[in-house]
Amino acid sequence: MKYIVVKDAMAQENIFLFSSTIEHKDMLMRIVRLADNLEQAKTFLVSAGNIFFDAWKDEPTIMYCNGESITLGVSSRGDEDTALLMATLNAG
């Protein structure tokens, strides 16, 4: 699974999760619909990477963000993105 973090007009960070079969740059263009091109869309971009799952017998599954987006030329912020992911998932 992949993710992108973008800032909205109020400078609020939002994380978007999507399939590993989709490229980060393609998803960014879908998220930032008002952008005319990829470079303009990148102005909203904060970070991007992959979501990893660690599961151990008799323990809860651990999710964490790591890696980078080659198509966007940006890296994960690691723990900061993981905290945003967990806050988003727990907000519902």
C-alpha atoms as a PDB file:
ATOM      1  CA  MET A   1       0.000   0.000   0.000  1.00  0.00           C
ATOM      2  CA  LYS A   2       1.173   3.536  -0.779  1.00  0.00           C
ATOM      3  CA  TYR A   3       0.351   6.954   0.631  1.00  0.00           C
ATOM      4  CA  ILE A   4       0.662  10.662  -0.047  1.00  0.00           C
ATOM      5  CA  VAL A   5       0.452  13.523   2.457  1.00  0.00           C
ATOM      6  CA  VAL A   6      -0.769  16.869   1.110  1.00  0.00           C
ATOM      7  CA  LYS A   7      -1.638  20.220   2.692  1.00  0.00           C
ATOM      8  CA  ASP A   8      -5.009  21.753   1.970  1.00  0.00           C
ATOM      9  CA  ALA A   9      -5.817  25.486   1.685  1.00  0.00           C
ATOM     10  CA  MET A  10      -5.938  25.758   5.485  1.00  0.00           C
ATOM     11  CA  ALA A  11      -2.456  24.157   5.780  1.00  0.00           C
ATOM     12  CA  GLN A  12      -4.056  21.044   7.309  1.00  0.00           C
ATOM     13  CA  GLU A  13      -2.204  17.838   6.439  1.00  0.00           C
ATOM     14  CA  ASN A  14      -4.222  14.966   4.979  1.00  0.00           C
ATOM     15  CA  ILE A  15      -3.031  11.449   4.226  1.00  0.00           C
ATOM     16  CA  PHE A  16      -4.363   9.457   1.275  1.00  0.00           C
ATOM     17  CA  LEU A  17      -3.893   5.683   1.036  1.00  0.00           C
ATOM     18  CA  PHE A  18      -4.000   3.806  -2.250  1.00  0.00           C
ATOM     19  CA  SER A  19      -3.011   0.627  -4.041  1.00  0.00           C
ATOM     20  CA  SER A  20       0.620  -0.187  -4.738  1.00  0.00           C
ATOM     21  CA  THR A  21      -0.297  -0.626  -8.404  1.00  0.00           C
ATOM     22  CA  ILE A  22      -0.867   3.144  -8.793  1.00  0.00           C
ATOM     23  CA  GLU A  23       2.083   5.523  -9.155  1.00  0.00           C
ATOM     24  CA  HIS A  24       2.418   8.331  -6.613  1.00  0.00           C
ATOM     25  CA  LYS A  25       2.463  11.008  -9.347  1.00  0.00           C
ATOM     26  CA  ASP A  26      -0.792   9.757 -10.852  1.00  0.00           C
ATOM     27  CA  MET A  27      -2.534   9.766  -7.482  1.00  0.00           C
ATOM     28  CA  LEU A  28      -1.245  13.255  -6.667  1.00  0.00           C
ATOM     29  CA  MET A  29      -2.771  14.580  -9.886  1.00  0.00           C
ATOM     30  CA  ARG A  30      -6.106  12.973  -8.944  1.00  0.00           C
ATOM     31  CA  ILE A  31      -6.019  14.423  -5.426  1.00  0.00           C
ATOM     32  CA  VAL A  32      -5.028  17.940  -6.506  1.00  0.00           C
ATOM     33  CA  ARG A  33      -7.592  18.427  -9.257  1.00  0.00           C
ATOM     34  CA  LEU A  34      -7.075  22.177  -9.550  1.00  0.00           C
ATOM     35  CA  ALA A  35      -3.457  21.799 -10.580  1.00  0.00           C
ATOM     36  CA  ASP A  36      -2.708  22.210 -14.263  1.00  0.00           C
ATOM     37  CA  ASN A  37       0.424  20.065 -14.168  1.00  0.00           C
ATOM     38  CA  LEU A  38       2.551  17.889 -11.917  1.00  0.00           C
ATOM     39  CA  GLU A  39       4.883  20.703 -10.847  1.00  0.00           C
ATOM     40  CA  GLN A  40       1.922  22.799  -9.715  1.00  0.00           C
ATOM     41  CA  ALA A  41       0.426  19.801  -7.894  1.00  0.00           C
ATOM     42  CA  LYS A  42       3.727  19.284  -6.045  1.00  0.00           C
ATOM     43  CA  THR A  43       3.195  22.623  -4.246  1.00  0.00           C
ATOM     44  CA  PHE A  44       0.583  20.822  -2.099  1.00  0.00           C
ATOM     45  CA  LEU A  45       2.828  17.796  -1.524  1.00  0.00           C
ATOM     46  CA  VAL A  46       4.332  17.147   1.914  1.00  0.00           C
ATOM     47  CA  SER A  47       5.599  13.558   1.723  1.00  0.00           C
ATOM     48  CA  ALA A  48       4.977  10.162   0.147  1.00  0.00           C
ATOM     49  CA  GLY A  49       6.022   6.565   0.622  1.00  0.00           C
ATOM     50  CA  ASN A  50       4.783   3.107   1.458  1.00  0.00           C
ATOM     51  CA  ILE A  51       2.811   1.637   4.331  1.00  0.00           C
ATOM     52  CA  PHE A  52       4.288  -1.486   5.864  1.00  0.00           C
ATOM     53  CA  PHE A  53       2.598  -4.006   8.144  1.00  0.00           C
ATOM     54  CA  ASP A  54       4.406  -6.077  10.767  1.00  0.00           C
ATOM     55  CA  ALA A  55       2.410  -8.897  12.286  1.00  0.00           C
ATOM     56  CA  TRP A  56       3.686 -11.167  15.029  1.00  0.00           C
ATOM     57  CA  LYS A  57       1.899 -14.131  16.528  1.00  0.00           C
ATOM     58  CA  ASP A  58      -0.394 -13.121  19.404  1.00  0.00           C
ATOM     59  CA  GLU A  59       0.457  -9.412  19.014  1.00  0.00           C
ATOM     60  CA  PRO A  60      -1.401  -6.576  17.291  1.00  0.00           C
ATOM     61  CA  THR A  61      -0.403  -5.715  13.742  1.00  0.00           C
ATOM     62  CA  ILE A  62       1.881  -2.692  13.557  1.00  0.00           C
ATOM     63  CA  MET A  63       1.581  -0.283  10.639  1.00  0.00           C
ATOM     64  CA  TYR A  64       4.249   2.241   9.754  1.00  0.00           C
ATOM     65  CA  CYS A  65       5.162   4.651   6.965  1.00  0.00           C
ATOM     66  CA  ASN A  66       8.548   4.545   5.283  1.00  0.00           C
ATOM     67  CA  GLY A  67      10.302   4.710   1.938  1.00  0.00           C
ATOM     68  CA  GLU A  68      10.011   7.255  -0.827  1.00  0.00           C
ATOM     69  CA  SER A  69       8.275   8.150  -4.060  1.00  0.00           C
ATOM     70  CA  ILE A  70      10.610   7.956  -7.006  1.00  0.00           C
ATOM     71  CA  THR A  71       8.017   9.474  -9.366  1.00  0.00           C
ATOM     72  CA  LEU A  72       7.621  12.535  -7.103  1.00  0.00           C
ATOM     73  CA  GLY A  73      11.176  12.737  -5.781  1.00  0.00           C
ATOM     74  CA  VAL A  74      10.080  12.955  -2.148  1.00  0.00           C
ATOM     75  CA  SER A  75      10.593  10.749   0.904  1.00  0.00           C
ATOM     76  CA  SER A  76       8.489   9.589   3.797  1.00  0.00           C
ATOM     77  CA  ARG A  77       8.790  11.472   7.072  1.00  0.00           C
ATOM     78  CA  GLY A  78       8.714   8.140   8.905  1.00  0.00           C
ATOM     79  CA  ASP A  79       7.360   8.555  12.422  1.00  0.00           C
ATOM     80  CA  GLU A  80       5.581  11.826  11.622  1.00  0.00           C
ATOM     81  CA  ASP A  81       3.660  10.233   8.729  1.00  0.00           C
ATOM     82  CA  THR A  82       2.943   7.157  10.837  1.00  0.00           C
ATOM     83  CA  ALA A  83       1.443   9.358  13.560  1.00  0.00           C
ATOM     84  CA  LEU A  84      -0.749  11.116  10.970  1.00  0.00           C
ATOM     85  CA  LEU A  85      -1.837   7.746   9.581  1.00  0.00           C
ATOM     86  CA  MET A  86      -2.787   6.427  13.017  1.00  0.00           C
ATOM     87  CA  ALA A  87      -4.612   9.646  13.966  1.00  0.00           C
ATOM     88  CA  THR A  88      -6.583   9.494  10.708  1.00  0.00           C
ATOM     89  CA  LEU A  89      -7.516   5.847  11.171  1.00  0.00           C
ATOM     90  CA  ASN A  90      -8.538   6.408  14.808  1.00  0.00           C
ATOM     91  CA  ALA A  91     -10.577   9.559  14.063  1.00  0.00           C
ATOM     92  CA  GLY A  92     -13.580   7.617  12.748  1.00  0.00           C
END
